[in-house]
Protein backbone atom coordinates (compact mmCIF):
# COMPACT_ATOMS: atom_id res chain seq x y z
CA MET A 1 -53.31 133.95 132.43
CA GLN A 2 -49.91 133.33 133.98
CA ALA A 3 -46.74 134.58 132.22
CA GLU A 4 -44.31 131.89 130.94
CA THR A 5 -41.25 131.35 132.99
CA VAL A 6 -38.17 130.82 130.97
CA ASP A 7 -35.11 129.42 132.70
CA TRP A 8 -32.54 131.37 131.24
CA ASP A 9 -29.59 129.08 132.67
CA ASP A 10 -31.10 126.14 130.87
CA ALA A 11 -31.85 128.08 127.60
CA TYR A 12 -28.05 128.88 127.18
CA ALA A 13 -26.68 125.42 128.35
CA ASN A 14 -25.55 123.24 125.64
CA THR A 15 -24.03 120.41 127.60
CA PRO A 16 -27.34 118.71 128.86
CA HIS A 17 -29.16 118.94 125.68
CA ILE A 18 -26.07 117.09 123.39
CA PRO A 19 -25.87 113.35 123.39
CA ASP A 20 -22.57 112.16 124.68
CA SER A 21 -21.29 115.72 125.43
CA GLU A 22 -19.25 114.49 128.57
CA THR A 23 -16.90 113.18 125.84
CA TYR A 24 -16.20 116.04 123.79
CA PRO A 25 -13.40 117.46 125.79
CA ALA A 26 -11.17 114.08 125.47
CA ARG A 27 -12.13 113.57 121.88
CA LEU A 28 -11.05 117.15 120.88
CA THR A 29 -7.74 116.72 122.93
CA ALA A 30 -6.91 113.52 120.91
CA ALA A 31 -7.77 115.04 117.55
CA ALA A 32 -5.67 117.92 118.40
CA GLU A 33 -2.65 116.25 119.77
CA ALA A 34 -2.71 113.95 116.60
CA PHE A 35 -2.91 117.04 114.29
CA ARG A 36 -0.08 118.84 115.78
CA LYS A 37 2.29 115.79 115.43
CA GLY A 38 1.87 115.86 111.56
CA VAL A 39 2.13 119.58 110.74
CA ARG A 40 4.67 122.48 110.67
CA ALA A 41 4.09 124.78 113.70
CA GLU A 42 5.39 127.22 115.93
CA LEU A 43 3.41 126.86 119.40
CA ASP A 44 3.27 129.15 122.26
CA ARG A 45 4.12 132.43 120.23
CA PRO A 46 3.73 135.26 122.89
CA TYR A 47 1.34 138.28 122.33
CA GLY A 48 1.52 139.48 125.92
CA ASP A 49 2.99 138.85 129.36
CA HIS A 50 0.23 136.63 130.95
CA PRO A 51 0.81 132.67 130.44
CA ARG A 52 -2.37 132.50 128.68
CA GLN A 53 -1.65 135.24 126.25
CA ARG A 54 0.04 132.78 123.67
CA PHE A 55 -1.07 131.54 120.14
CA ASP A 56 -0.03 128.42 118.05
CA LEU A 57 0.89 129.20 114.38
CA PHE A 58 0.30 126.48 111.71
CA PHE A 59 1.70 126.53 108.33
CA PRO A 60 0.77 124.76 104.91
CA GLU A 61 3.14 122.79 103.13
CA THR A 62 3.87 125.67 100.64
CA GLU A 63 4.37 129.68 101.34
CA PRO A 64 1.00 130.75 102.87
CA ARG A 65 -1.20 132.64 100.50
CA GLY A 66 -3.05 134.04 103.52
CA LEU A 67 -3.73 133.81 107.39
CA MET A 68 -6.80 132.21 109.27
CA VAL A 69 -7.19 133.27 112.96
CA PHE A 70 -9.52 130.75 114.72
CA VAL A 71 -10.82 131.86 118.31
CA HIS A 72 -12.20 129.13 120.50
CA GLY A 73 -15.13 129.36 122.60
CA GLY A 74 -16.15 128.17 126.22
CA TYR A 75 -18.20 130.99 127.39
CA TRP A 76 -15.20 133.23 128.07
CA MET A 77 -14.43 130.94 131.06
CA ARG A 78 -13.10 127.61 129.68
CA PHE A 79 -10.49 125.94 127.31
CA ASP A 80 -7.50 127.07 125.43
CA LYS A 81 -5.75 126.61 122.23
CA SER A 82 -4.54 123.07 122.79
CA PHE A 83 -8.09 121.72 122.43
CA TRP A 84 -8.86 122.86 118.74
CA SER A 85 -5.51 122.51 116.87
CA HIS A 86 -7.10 120.31 114.05
CA MET A 87 -9.65 123.22 113.17
CA ALA A 88 -6.55 124.20 111.50
CA GLU A 89 -6.88 121.62 108.94
CA ALA A 90 -9.12 123.08 106.43
CA ALA A 91 -6.94 126.34 106.25
CA LEU A 92 -3.80 124.41 105.73
CA ALA A 93 -5.06 122.36 103.04
CA ARG A 94 -6.34 125.52 101.24
CA GLY A 95 -2.87 127.05 101.51
CA PHE A 96 -3.37 129.57 104.41
CA ALA A 97 -1.47 129.56 107.71
CA ALA A 98 -3.76 129.31 110.88
CA ALA A 99 -3.21 130.87 114.16
CA LEU A 100 -5.06 129.73 117.27
CA PRO A 101 -5.00 131.98 120.30
CA SER A 102 -5.65 131.10 123.96
CA TYR A 103 -6.65 134.18 126.04
CA ARG A 104 -7.06 134.89 129.52
CA LEU A 105 -10.28 133.71 131.02
CA ALA A 106 -13.23 135.06 133.48
CA PRO A 107 -13.49 135.61 136.41
CA GLU A 108 -9.85 136.66 136.23
CA VAL A 109 -10.49 139.28 133.65
CA THR A 110 -13.56 140.93 132.57
CA ILE A 111 -15.07 140.23 128.74
CA PRO A 112 -13.68 143.78 127.68
CA GLU A 113 -10.24 142.63 128.62
CA ILE A 114 -10.57 139.29 126.83
CA THR A 115 -11.61 141.49 123.55
CA ALA A 116 -8.51 143.32 124.21
CA ASP A 117 -6.33 140.01 124.35
CA ILE A 118 -7.93 138.92 121.03
CA ARG A 119 -7.30 142.23 119.25
CA ALA A 120 -3.38 141.82 120.35
CA ALA A 121 -3.67 138.21 119.42
CA VAL A 122 -4.98 139.08 115.98
CA ALA A 123 -2.34 141.81 115.39
CA ALA A 124 0.84 139.67 116.60
CA ALA A 125 -0.61 136.91 114.24
CA ALA A 126 -0.97 139.12 111.44
CA GLY A 127 2.68 140.21 111.90
CA CYS A 128 4.12 136.53 111.29
CA VAL A 129 2.27 136.37 107.99
CA GLU A 130 2.37 139.64 106.52
CA THR A 131 0.94 138.88 103.22
CA GLY A 132 -2.41 137.61 101.71
CA PRO A 133 -5.72 137.67 103.12
CA LEU A 134 -6.93 137.49 106.77
CA VAL A 135 -9.66 135.42 107.53
CA LEU A 136 -11.29 135.63 110.96
CA ALA A 137 -13.26 132.67 112.44
CA GLY A 138 -14.60 131.84 115.94
CA HIS A 139 -17.06 129.50 117.61
CA SER A 140 -19.50 130.47 120.45
CA ALA A 141 -17.73 133.14 122.69
CA GLY A 142 -15.00 132.97 120.04
CA GLY A 143 -17.57 134.14 117.29
CA HIS A 144 -18.52 136.83 119.73
CA LEU A 145 -14.85 138.00 120.03
CA VAL A 146 -14.34 137.71 116.48
CA ALA A 147 -17.34 139.91 115.61
CA ARG A 148 -15.99 142.35 118.02
CA MET A 149 -13.05 142.50 115.90
CA LEU A 150 -14.88 144.49 113.21
CA CYS A 151 -16.31 146.76 115.25
CA PRO A 152 -14.66 150.34 115.30
CA ASP A 153 -13.90 150.28 118.84
CA ALA A 154 -11.87 147.33 118.60
CA ALA A 155 -9.25 149.35 117.07
CA LEU A 156 -7.11 146.91 115.07
CA PRO A 157 -4.19 148.32 113.45
CA GLY A 158 -5.13 149.86 110.12
CA ARG A 159 -2.75 147.58 108.31
CA VAL A 160 -4.32 144.56 110.17
CA ALA A 161 -8.08 145.57 109.84
CA ASP A 162 -7.28 146.48 105.98
CA ARG A 163 -6.32 142.88 105.27
CA ILE A 164 -9.56 141.15 106.79
CA ALA A 165 -11.26 139.62 103.95
CA ARG A 166 -13.78 137.59 105.45
CA ALA A 167 -15.36 136.89 108.99
CA MET A 168 -17.35 134.10 110.06
CA PRO A 169 -18.65 134.06 113.56
CA ILE A 170 -20.04 130.42 114.31
CA SER A 171 -22.94 130.03 116.82
CA LEU A 172 -21.79 133.41 118.48
CA LEU A 173 -23.16 135.41 121.12
CA SER A 174 -23.98 138.70 119.38
CA ASP A 175 -26.11 140.48 122.09
CA LEU A 176 -24.79 139.72 125.70
CA ARG A 177 -27.78 141.33 127.21
CA PRO A 178 -29.95 138.25 127.76
CA LEU A 179 -26.95 136.66 129.65
CA LEU A 180 -27.56 139.09 132.60
CA ARG A 181 -30.52 136.73 133.45
CA THR A 182 -28.12 133.95 134.05
CA ARG A 183 -25.86 133.08 136.89
CA MET A 184 -23.00 133.38 134.35
CA ALA A 185 -23.20 137.02 134.75
CA GLY A 186 -21.33 137.05 138.16
CA PRO A 187 -18.48 135.25 137.02
CA LEU A 188 -18.48 137.09 133.63
CA GLY A 189 -18.43 140.54 135.31
CA LEU A 190 -21.60 141.42 133.38
CA ASP A 191 -23.62 144.39 133.98
CA ALA A 192 -26.16 146.37 131.78
CA GLU A 193 -23.19 148.62 130.57
CA ILE A 194 -20.72 146.05 129.78
CA ALA A 195 -23.31 143.71 128.29
CA ALA A 196 -24.42 146.43 125.89
CA ALA A 197 -20.66 147.62 125.03
CA GLU A 198 -19.50 144.24 124.35
CA SER A 199 -22.79 143.17 122.00
CA PRO A 200 -21.77 143.29 118.27
CA ALA A 201 -25.51 143.15 117.30
CA LEU A 202 -25.65 146.67 118.73
CA MET A 203 -22.81 148.04 117.00
CA THR A 204 -22.10 149.09 113.16
CA PRO A 205 -19.05 147.00 111.74
CA LEU A 206 -16.17 148.16 109.61
CA ALA A 207 -17.44 148.50 105.97
CA ASP A 208 -16.66 146.31 103.18
CA VAL A 209 -15.69 143.20 105.28
CA PRO A 210 -17.88 140.14 104.16
CA VAL A 211 -19.45 138.53 107.05
CA HIS A 212 -20.86 134.90 107.13
CA VAL A 213 -22.79 134.09 110.09
CA TRP A 214 -22.87 130.22 110.79
CA VAL A 215 -24.98 128.36 113.35
CA GLY A 216 -26.25 124.74 113.66
CA GLY A 217 -29.62 123.98 112.99
CA ASP A 218 -29.89 121.69 116.05
CA GLU A 219 -28.64 124.34 118.22
CA ARG A 220 -30.56 125.39 121.33
CA PRO A 221 -32.96 128.16 120.00
CA VAL A 222 -31.04 131.14 121.74
CA PHE A 223 -28.09 130.58 119.76
CA ILE A 224 -30.43 130.42 116.54
CA ASP A 225 -31.68 133.84 117.92
CA GLN A 226 -28.33 135.13 118.58
CA ALA A 227 -27.08 134.35 115.00
CA ARG A 228 -30.04 135.86 113.43
CA TRP A 229 -29.92 138.97 115.30
CA LEU A 230 -26.28 139.69 113.77
CA ALA A 231 -27.14 138.67 110.38
CA GLU A 232 -30.24 141.15 110.75
CA ALA A 233 -28.17 144.00 112.38
CA TRP A 234 -25.34 143.91 109.89
CA THR A 235 -26.07 144.98 106.59
CA GLY A 236 -24.98 142.48 103.66
CA ALA A 237 -24.21 139.66 106.39
CA ALA A 238 -25.10 136.13 105.09
CA LEU A 239 -26.53 133.61 107.64
CA THR A 240 -26.33 129.85 107.26
CA VAL A 241 -28.51 127.50 109.56
CA ASP A 242 -26.47 124.19 108.96
CA PRO A 243 -28.87 121.46 109.33
CA GLY A 244 -28.14 118.40 111.53
CA HIS A 245 -25.33 120.24 113.49
CA HIS A 246 -25.33 121.08 117.27
CA HIS A 247 -23.35 123.31 119.36
CA PHE A 248 -20.50 121.17 119.62
CA ASN A 249 -20.12 119.56 116.22
CA VAL A 250 -21.06 122.69 113.97
CA ILE A 251 -17.15 123.66 113.38
CA ASP A 252 -16.31 120.28 112.52
CA GLY A 253 -16.24 121.62 108.69
CA LEU A 254 -12.97 123.57 109.80
CA ALA A 255 -11.15 120.12 109.73
CA ARG A 256 -12.38 119.30 106.22
CA ALA A 257 -11.09 121.29 103.40
CA ASP A 258 -14.11 120.25 101.43
CA SER A 259 -16.87 121.07 103.94
CA PRO A 260 -19.57 123.66 103.17
CA LEU A 261 -18.31 125.70 106.00
CA ALA A 262 -14.83 125.70 104.79
CA THR A 263 -16.13 126.54 101.15
CA ALA A 264 -18.04 129.48 102.61
CA LEU A 265 -14.94 130.56 104.56
CA PHE A 266 -12.36 130.46 102.00
CA ASP A 267 -13.78 130.09 98.44
CA GLY A 268 -13.24 133.27 96.25
CA LEU A 269 -10.67 134.99 98.46
CA GLU A 270 -7.89 136.77 96.04
CA ILE A 271 -4.36 136.13 96.76
């Protein structure tokens, strides 16, 4: 019997399998621009010298009761913070400030360097809102980067790490070793050593940080696997498979204060 051949590039491809996927960049851009016009914000705050080492900081109407940092996806190779501003809406409605960083992209830099960018961005954003709980959320590659912030080698400053009250990796890549079988491995600069060293599912996270892994029920099977791998590897992590949501709309709940996703992310946090 002939062994089954898996097309790993297709397995990790979202766009061909989501209806109207080509419309999402324009829709995101329009929603993000509209959101920025209606809120108080400090845009393009630097956390490094590179033009992409910038974050946008959005404020609620009252004194912030904490800070959410949201890290965008794009397989570490696409997008920037400007597409996702409206993902701060639920945080602001619940009284949290929200920081959305851009970061350097592959192939200009490698994934370890991108991890270092997010470490610097989280620390810088936490310095702008110095009181209250710190909540980390990220989508896809951003979910990977958020999970990496909970790994001891990420070495967030102690005063920042101690504030992390909850983390939600959404539709993340938790084990990068399967990507070695894809054409992305080249542009990402992945080899076996880097893939293992950058895989949160192979690490032990910081103790006492509640982690809620979230993934869409209509995602590609490999993304459901990736979510499950982290939830199984990290003792105490919760896992939600959100029915009816695919890889592109699974984060829509971040733009609605009363969504199940926002409820899971913010409810019960102490001021």
